[in-house]
N, C-alpha and C. Protein backbone atom coordinates (compact mmCIF):
# COMPACT_ATOMS: atom_id res chain seq x y z
N MET A 1 123.02 91.38 89.88
CA MET A 1 122.12 90.83 88.87
C MET A 1 120.68 91.26 89.14
N LYS A 2 120.32 91.38 90.41
CA LYS A 2 118.95 91.75 90.73
C LYS A 2 118.65 93.17 90.27
N ILE A 3 119.62 94.07 90.38
CA ILE A 3 119.42 95.45 89.94
C ILE A 3 119.20 95.51 88.43
N VAL A 4 119.91 94.68 87.69
CA VAL A 4 119.78 94.66 86.24
C VAL A 4 118.38 94.18 85.84
N MET A 5 117.90 93.13 86.50
CA MET A 5 116.57 92.61 86.18
C MET A 5 115.48 93.63 86.51
N ILE A 6 115.60 94.31 87.64
CA ILE A 6 114.60 95.32 88.00
C ILE A 6 114.63 96.48 87.02
N THR A 7 115.82 96.88 86.57
CA THR A 7 115.94 97.95 85.59
C THR A 7 115.29 97.55 84.26
N ILE A 8 115.53 96.32 83.83
CA ILE A 8 114.91 95.84 82.59
C ILE A 8 113.39 95.82 82.72
N MET A 9 112.91 95.39 83.87
CA MET A 9 111.46 95.33 84.08
C MET A 9 110.85 96.73 84.14
N LEU A 10 111.55 97.69 84.72
CA LEU A 10 111.05 99.06 84.75
C LEU A 10 111.00 99.65 83.34
N ILE A 11 111.99 99.34 82.52
CA ILE A 11 111.97 99.79 81.12
C ILE A 11 110.80 99.15 80.39
N LEU A 12 110.53 97.87 80.67
CA LEU A 12 109.39 97.18 80.07
C LEU A 12 108.08 97.85 80.48
N ILE A 13 107.97 98.27 81.74
CA ILE A 13 106.76 98.95 82.20
C ILE A 13 106.58 100.28 81.48
N VAL A 14 107.66 101.03 81.30
CA VAL A 14 107.56 102.31 80.60
C VAL A 14 107.13 102.10 79.15
N VAL A 15 107.68 101.09 78.50
CA VAL A 15 107.32 100.81 77.10
C VAL A 15 105.85 100.40 77.01
N THR A 16 105.41 99.52 77.91
CA THR A 16 104.01 99.10 77.85
C THR A 16 103.06 100.23 78.26
N PHE A 17 103.52 101.15 79.11
CA PHE A 17 102.69 102.30 79.45
C PHE A 17 102.50 103.21 78.24
N ILE A 18 103.56 103.43 77.49
CA ILE A 18 103.45 104.24 76.26
C ILE A 18 102.56 103.53 75.25
N TYR A 19 102.70 102.21 75.17
CA TYR A 19 101.84 101.43 74.27
C TYR A 19 100.37 101.53 74.70
N ASN A 20 100.15 101.56 76.02
CA ASN A 20 98.79 101.71 76.53
C ASN A 20 98.25 103.11 76.21
N LEU A 21 99.09 104.12 76.25
CA LEU A 21 98.66 105.46 75.85
C LEU A 21 98.24 105.48 74.39
N PHE A 22 98.97 104.76 73.55
CA PHE A 22 98.57 104.63 72.16
C PHE A 22 97.21 103.94 72.05
N GLY A 23 96.99 102.99 72.94
CA GLY A 23 95.69 102.32 72.97
C GLY A 23 94.57 103.27 73.38
N LEU A 24 94.84 104.15 74.32
CA LEU A 24 93.83 105.13 74.72
C LEU A 24 93.56 106.15 73.62
N LEU A 25 94.55 106.41 72.80
CA LEU A 25 94.37 107.31 71.67
C LEU A 25 93.66 106.65 70.50
N GLY A 26 93.54 105.33 70.55
CA GLY A 26 92.86 104.62 69.49
C GLY A 26 93.76 104.14 68.38
N LEU A 27 95.06 104.21 68.58
CA LEU A 27 95.99 103.78 67.54
C LEU A 27 96.21 102.27 67.54
N VAL A 28 96.12 101.66 68.70
CA VAL A 28 96.23 100.20 68.83
C VAL A 28 95.04 99.73 69.66
N PRO A 29 94.68 98.47 69.57
CA PRO A 29 93.53 97.98 70.36
C PRO A 29 93.82 98.05 71.86
N LEU A 30 92.87 98.58 72.59
CA LEU A 30 93.03 98.73 74.03
C LEU A 30 92.98 97.39 74.74
N TYR A 31 92.24 96.43 74.18
CA TYR A 31 92.16 95.12 74.81
C TYR A 31 93.45 94.32 74.66
N VAL A 32 94.39 94.81 73.87
CA VAL A 32 95.71 94.18 73.77
C VAL A 32 96.71 94.92 74.66
N SER A 33 96.64 96.23 74.69
CA SER A 33 97.64 97.00 75.42
C SER A 33 97.44 96.97 76.93
N SER A 34 96.21 96.91 77.39
CA SER A 34 95.97 96.90 78.84
C SER A 34 96.47 95.63 79.52
N PRO A 35 96.20 94.44 78.97
CA PRO A 35 96.77 93.24 79.61
C PRO A 35 98.29 93.20 79.59
N LEU A 36 98.90 93.79 78.56
CA LEU A 36 100.36 93.82 78.53
C LEU A 36 100.92 94.66 79.67
N LEU A 37 100.29 95.80 79.93
CA LEU A 37 100.72 96.63 81.05
C LEU A 37 100.49 95.92 82.37
N PHE A 38 99.36 95.25 82.50
CA PHE A 38 99.09 94.49 83.72
C PHE A 38 100.12 93.40 83.94
N LEU A 39 100.45 92.66 82.88
CA LEU A 39 101.43 91.59 83.00
C LEU A 39 102.82 92.13 83.37
N ALA A 40 103.20 93.27 82.80
CA ALA A 40 104.50 93.85 83.13
C ALA A 40 104.55 94.26 84.60
N LEU A 41 103.48 94.86 85.10
CA LEU A 41 103.44 95.24 86.51
C LEU A 41 103.42 94.00 87.40
N PHE A 42 102.67 92.99 87.00
CA PHE A 42 102.57 91.77 87.79
C PHE A 42 103.92 91.06 87.88
N ILE A 43 104.63 90.97 86.77
CA ILE A 43 105.94 90.31 86.76
C ILE A 43 106.93 91.06 87.64
N LEU A 44 106.91 92.39 87.59
CA LEU A 44 107.81 93.17 88.43
C LEU A 44 107.51 92.94 89.90
N LEU A 45 106.25 93.02 90.28
CA LEU A 45 105.89 92.82 91.69
C LEU A 45 106.17 91.40 92.15
N PHE A 46 105.94 90.43 91.28
CA PHE A 46 106.23 89.05 91.62
C PHE A 46 107.73 88.84 91.81
N TYR A 47 108.54 89.45 90.97
CA TYR A 47 109.98 89.30 91.07
C TYR A 47 110.53 89.96 92.33
N ILE A 48 109.99 91.12 92.68
CA ILE A 48 110.45 91.83 93.87
C ILE A 48 110.06 91.06 95.14
N ASN A 49 108.86 90.50 95.16
CA ASN A 49 108.38 89.81 96.35
C ASN A 49 108.82 88.36 96.45
N ASN A 50 109.38 87.82 95.40
CA ASN A 50 109.81 86.42 95.42
C ASN A 50 111.12 86.32 96.18
N ARG A 51 111.05 85.72 97.35
CA ARG A 51 112.24 85.55 98.17
C ARG A 51 112.18 84.18 98.83
N LYS A 52 113.26 83.80 99.40
CA LYS A 52 113.30 82.51 100.07
C LYS A 52 112.49 82.61 101.36
N LYS A 53 111.45 81.82 101.44
CA LYS A 53 110.57 81.86 102.60
C LYS A 53 110.70 80.58 103.39
N PHE A 54 110.58 80.69 104.67
CA PHE A 54 110.63 79.53 105.53
C PHE A 54 109.29 78.80 105.44
N LYS A 55 109.33 77.54 105.03
CA LYS A 55 108.10 76.78 104.83
C LYS A 55 107.89 75.74 105.92
N GLY A 56 108.71 75.76 106.93
CA GLY A 56 108.52 74.81 108.02
C GLY A 56 109.45 73.62 107.88
N PHE A 57 109.32 72.73 108.81
CA PHE A 57 110.19 71.56 108.84
C PHE A 57 109.52 70.37 108.23
């Protein structure tokens, strides 16, 4: 299941990257496309780093 989620998130990053390229070309607002790319990268990194951590007794 973890591989499927990471694959979906990588596809989301590619889609938002292409959307951000459209923003750089002036086809869509850049202030909308840049935060979407940031959020996609943040969610992927958060999901990869989220693990069971020892919090003490």
